[in-house]
Amino acid sequence: MDLSYALTPFIAWLIAGGIKFVINSIRAKQLAFKMIGYGGFPSNHSAIVSSTATLIALREGMDHPAFAVAITLAFIVVLDASSLRRQVGKLAEVLNKHTVHLEEGYVPLRERMGHTRIEIAAGVVTGVATAFSVNAWLMTLLHKVSLLG
């Protein structure tokens, strides 16, 4: 069984999340555990789906039906990140401004939800680079194993 299809998006998620955590920690001048979640640079979701689509393209080819499914999923995720979730974040901002004064004990809604185009592009670049790196590493490993056997 080829675990690279599970390993690659997981590694892309770790890399994008690590970069995001470091950037947020630098901006906040403290460890940014409270900022983990949706939104920020780079987009974890974009990194995950683009790494999967790229790995399928590298391994199976762009004419394979799995690549079409992966690209379709990637478009849905990216559109969701750039439009729907950004609108949800704007709505949360408005609700927080008006509700905080009316209700005692109100826990503000998370306002940072979606991604900008730059954050999404950085996620895609992270995902594509991860897929190329994992694929190259595995091919090198397989080549070395075949030379030994």
Foldseek 3Di string as FASTA:
>chain_A
DDCCLVVLLVVLLVVQQVVFQVVVCVVVVHRPPVPPDAAGAAGSLLLNLLLNLLLCCVPVNCVDPVNVVSVVVNVVSQVCQAPVQLVVLVVLVVCQVPVVVPDPPDDRDHNRHHYDPNNSVRSNVSNNVSNVVVVVVVVVVVVVVVVVD
